């Protein structure tokens, strides 16, 4: 009976589709040849806003382009210290307020968003 319950539970869990952000991360890792490892921070669909200096921060969403028009951001060189996954070739991490975003180096297309804290 236990084996039957375990088999049923496994079939149900495998039938649940991935969320769009999870699919996008998997596609990035496959396309860029990055090692498939569990991320250390949970992906988010959008940012929590800018920083305290910007009273009306912009809320970035996946697929949007990073812009200085919405406030300043910092390129993160030491992604290991921040417990972020290695950026694929042609990408880098930026910090915007309390968020980290994985963006393309050429046009700033946002591929992944995680909370900094």
C-alpha atoms as a PDB file:
ATOM      1  CA  UNK A   1       0.000   0.000   0.000  1.00  0.00           C
ATOM      2  CA  UNK A   2       2.851   2.399   0.844  1.00  0.00           C
ATOM      3  CA  UNK A   3       4.452   1.774  -2.546  1.00  0.00           C
ATOM      4  CA  UNK A   4       1.159   2.564  -4.263  1.00  0.00           C
ATOM      5  CA  UNK A   5       0.784   5.835  -2.346  1.00  0.00           C
ATOM      6  CA  UNK A   6       4.398   6.811  -3.069  1.00  0.00           C
ATOM      7  CA  UNK A   7       3.971   6.062  -6.775  1.00  0.00           C
ATOM      8  CA  UNK A   8       0.752   8.102  -6.895  1.00  0.00           C
ATOM      9  CA  UNK A   9       2.372  11.063  -5.095  1.00  0.00           C
ATOM     10  CA  UNK A  10       5.365  10.995  -7.470  1.00  0.00           C
ATOM     11  CA  UNK A  11       3.100  10.943 -10.534  1.00  0.00           C
ATOM     12  CA  UNK A  12       1.110  13.916  -9.232  1.00  0.00           C
ATOM     13  CA  UNK A  13       4.229  15.949  -8.434  1.00  0.00           C
ATOM     14  CA  UNK A  14       5.776  15.254 -11.827  1.00  0.00           C
ATOM     15  CA  UNK A  15       2.587  16.381 -13.572  1.00  0.00           C
ATOM     16  CA  UNK A  16       2.711  19.881 -12.024  1.00  0.00           C
ATOM     17  CA  UNK A  17       4.128  22.332 -14.598  1.00  0.00           C
ATOM     18  CA  UNK A  18       6.977  24.703 -13.740  1.00  0.00           C
ATOM     19  CA  UNK A  19       6.248  28.384 -13.142  1.00  0.00           C
ATOM     20  CA  UNK A  20       7.251  30.755 -15.996  1.00  0.00           C
ATOM     21  CA  UNK A  21      10.280  32.078 -14.087  1.00  0.00           C
ATOM     22  CA  UNK A  22      11.485  28.516 -13.409  1.00  0.00           C
ATOM     23  CA  UNK A  23      11.157  27.633 -17.095  1.00  0.00           C
ATOM     24  CA  UNK A  24      13.058  30.778 -18.055  1.00  0.00           C
ATOM     25  CA  UNK A  25      15.899  29.924 -15.661  1.00  0.00           C
ATOM     26  CA  UNK A  26      16.079  26.373 -16.989  1.00  0.00           C
ATOM     27  CA  UNK A  27      16.190  27.684 -20.562  1.00  0.00           C
ATOM     28  CA  UNK A  28      19.015  30.112 -19.700  1.00  0.00           C
ATOM     29  CA  UNK A  29      21.029  27.347 -18.067  1.00  0.00           C
ATOM     30  CA  UNK A  30      20.536  24.979 -21.017  1.00  0.00           C
ATOM     31  CA  UNK A  31      21.204  27.599 -23.710  1.00  0.00           C
ATOM     32  CA  UNK A  32      24.274  29.058 -22.042  1.00  0.00           C
ATOM     33  CA  UNK A  33      25.736  25.712 -20.978  1.00  0.00           C
ATOM     34  CA  UNK A  34      25.708  26.734 -17.320  1.00  0.00           C
ATOM     35  CA  UNK A  35      25.788  23.939 -14.789  1.00  0.00           C
ATOM     36  CA  UNK A  36      22.315  23.052 -13.589  1.00  0.00           C
ATOM     37  CA  UNK A  37      22.479  23.693  -9.862  1.00  0.00           C
ATOM     38  CA  UNK A  38      19.860  24.686  -7.355  1.00  0.00           C
ATOM     39  CA  UNK A  39      19.823  28.482  -6.986  1.00  0.00           C
ATOM     40  CA  UNK A  40      20.622  29.792  -3.543  1.00  0.00           C
ATOM     41  CA  UNK A  41      18.045  32.576  -3.704  1.00  0.00           C
ATOM     42  CA  UNK A  42      14.408  32.258  -4.757  1.00  0.00           C
ATOM     43  CA  UNK A  43      13.519  33.816  -8.142  1.00  0.00           C
ATOM     44  CA  UNK A  44      10.833  36.519  -8.107  1.00  0.00           C
ATOM     45  CA  UNK A  45       8.541  37.718 -10.937  1.00  0.00           C
ATOM     46  CA  UNK A  46       9.224  41.394 -10.157  1.00  0.00           C
ATOM     47  CA  UNK A  47      11.335  43.692  -7.990  1.00  0.00           C
ATOM     48  CA  UNK A  48      10.222  45.200  -4.729  1.00  0.00           C
ATOM     49  CA  UNK A  49      11.133  48.667  -5.995  1.00  0.00           C
ATOM     50  CA  UNK A  50      14.172  50.910  -5.879  1.00  0.00           C
ATOM     51  CA  UNK A  51      15.968  52.195  -2.841  1.00  0.00           C
ATOM     52  CA  UNK A  52      15.146  54.628  -0.046  1.00  0.00           C
ATOM     53  CA  UNK A  53      16.556  57.569  -2.029  1.00  0.00           C
ATOM     54  CA  UNK A  54      13.915  57.039  -4.711  1.00  0.00           C
ATOM     55  CA  UNK A  55      10.485  57.758  -3.140  1.00  0.00           C
ATOM     56  CA  UNK A  56       8.560  56.284  -6.102  1.00  0.00           C
ATOM     57  CA  UNK A  57      10.715  53.372  -7.232  1.00  0.00           C
ATOM     58  CA  UNK A  58      10.077  51.528 -10.477  1.00  0.00           C
ATOM     59  CA  UNK A  59       8.873  47.933 -10.212  1.00  0.00           C
ATOM     60  CA  UNK A  60      10.871  45.899 -12.737  1.00  0.00           C
ATOM     61  CA  UNK A  61       9.386  42.709 -14.204  1.00  0.00           C
ATOM     62  CA  UNK A  62      10.975  39.757 -15.999  1.00  0.00           C
ATOM     63  CA  UNK A  63      11.481  40.533 -19.681  1.00  0.00           C
ATOM     64  CA  UNK A  64      11.732  44.289 -19.110  1.00  0.00           C
ATOM     65  CA  UNK A  65      14.915  46.245 -19.885  1.00  0.00           C
ATOM     66  CA  UNK A  66      17.033  47.837 -17.153  1.00  0.00           C
ATOM     67  CA  UNK A  67      17.194  51.646 -17.412  1.00  0.00           C
ATOM     68  CA  UNK A  68      18.933  54.393 -15.437  1.00  0.00           C
ATOM     69  CA  UNK A  69      15.823  56.491 -16.051  1.00  0.00           C
ATOM     70  CA  UNK A  70      14.217  54.571 -13.154  1.00  0.00           C
ATOM     71  CA  UNK A  71      17.099  55.090 -10.737  1.00  0.00           C
ATOM     72  CA  UNK A  72      20.662  53.972 -10.247  1.00  0.00           C
ATOM     73  CA  UNK A  73      21.840  50.393 -10.003  1.00  0.00           C
ATOM     74  CA  UNK A  74      25.174  48.720  -9.292  1.00  0.00           C
ATOM     75  CA  UNK A  75      26.868  45.939 -11.258  1.00  0.00           C
ATOM     76  CA  UNK A  76      27.635  43.038  -8.893  1.00  0.00           C
ATOM     77  CA  UNK A  77      31.145  41.708  -9.511  1.00  0.00           C
ATOM     78  CA  UNK A  78      31.315  39.410  -6.479  1.00  0.00           C
ATOM     79  CA  UNK A  79      28.216  37.299  -7.124  1.00  0.00           C
ATOM     80  CA  UNK A  80      29.636  34.404  -5.059  1.00  0.00           C
ATOM     81  CA  UNK A  81      29.683  36.538  -1.878  1.00  0.00           C
ATOM     82  CA  UNK A  82      26.032  37.444  -2.473  1.00  0.00           C
ATOM     83  CA  UNK A  83      25.183  33.722  -2.907  1.00  0.00           C
ATOM     84  CA  UNK A  84      24.052  34.203  -6.501  1.00  0.00           C
ATOM     85  CA  UNK A  85      24.503  31.649  -9.271  1.00  0.00           C
ATOM     86  CA  UNK A  86      27.241  32.279 -11.811  1.00  0.00           C
ATOM     87  CA  UNK A  87      25.988  34.544 -14.589  1.00  0.00           C
ATOM     88  CA  UNK A  88      26.036  32.877 -18.018  1.00  0.00           C
ATOM     89  CA  UNK A  89      28.343  34.319 -20.662  1.00  0.00           C
ATOM     90  CA  UNK A  90      27.005  37.666 -21.898  1.00  0.00           C
ATOM     91  CA  UNK A  91      25.089  38.330 -18.653  1.00  0.00           C
ATOM     92  CA  UNK A  92      25.832  40.013 -15.323  1.00  0.00           C
ATOM     93  CA  UNK A  93      24.128  40.624 -12.000  1.00  0.00           C
ATOM     94  CA  UNK A  94      23.030  44.117 -10.955  1.00  0.00           C
ATOM     95  CA  UNK A  95      21.652  45.342  -7.649  1.00  0.00           C
ATOM     96  CA  UNK A  96      18.663  47.658  -7.740  1.00  0.00           C
ATOM     97  CA  UNK A  97      17.418  48.606  -4.296  1.00  0.00           C
ATOM     98  CA  UNK A  98      16.782  45.399  -2.368  1.00  0.00           C
ATOM     99  CA  UNK A  99      16.899  43.194  -5.483  1.00  0.00           C
ATOM    100  CA  UNK A 100      19.429  41.439  -7.668  1.00  0.00           C
ATOM    101  CA  UNK A 101      18.662  41.108 -11.361  1.00  0.00           C
ATOM    102  CA  UNK A 102      20.409  38.924 -13.922  1.00  0.00           C
ATOM    103  CA  UNK A 103      20.518  40.973 -17.119  1.00  0.00           C
ATOM    104  CA  UNK A 104      22.019  40.636 -20.571  1.00  0.00           C
ATOM    105  CA  UNK A 105      25.178  42.704 -20.935  1.00  0.00           C
ATOM    106  CA  UNK A 106      24.211  44.032 -24.370  1.00  0.00           C
ATOM    107  CA  UNK A 107      20.722  45.444 -23.817  1.00  0.00           C
ATOM    108  CA  UNK A 108      19.874  44.990 -20.118  1.00  0.00           C
ATOM    109  CA  UNK A 109      17.066  42.464 -20.678  1.00  0.00           C
ATOM    110  CA  UNK A 110      16.028  41.176 -17.245  1.00  0.00           C
ATOM    111  CA  UNK A 111      16.245  37.378 -17.126  1.00  0.00           C
ATOM    112  CA  UNK A 112      15.990  36.741 -13.370  1.00  0.00           C
ATOM    113  CA  UNK A 113      15.105  38.665 -10.208  1.00  0.00           C
ATOM    114  CA  UNK A 114      15.916  37.688  -6.607  1.00  0.00           C
ATOM    115  CA  UNK A 115      15.547  39.535  -3.315  1.00  0.00           C
ATOM    116  CA  UNK A 116      18.790  40.741  -1.752  1.00  0.00           C
ATOM    117  CA  UNK A 117      17.801  39.896   1.814  1.00  0.00           C
END
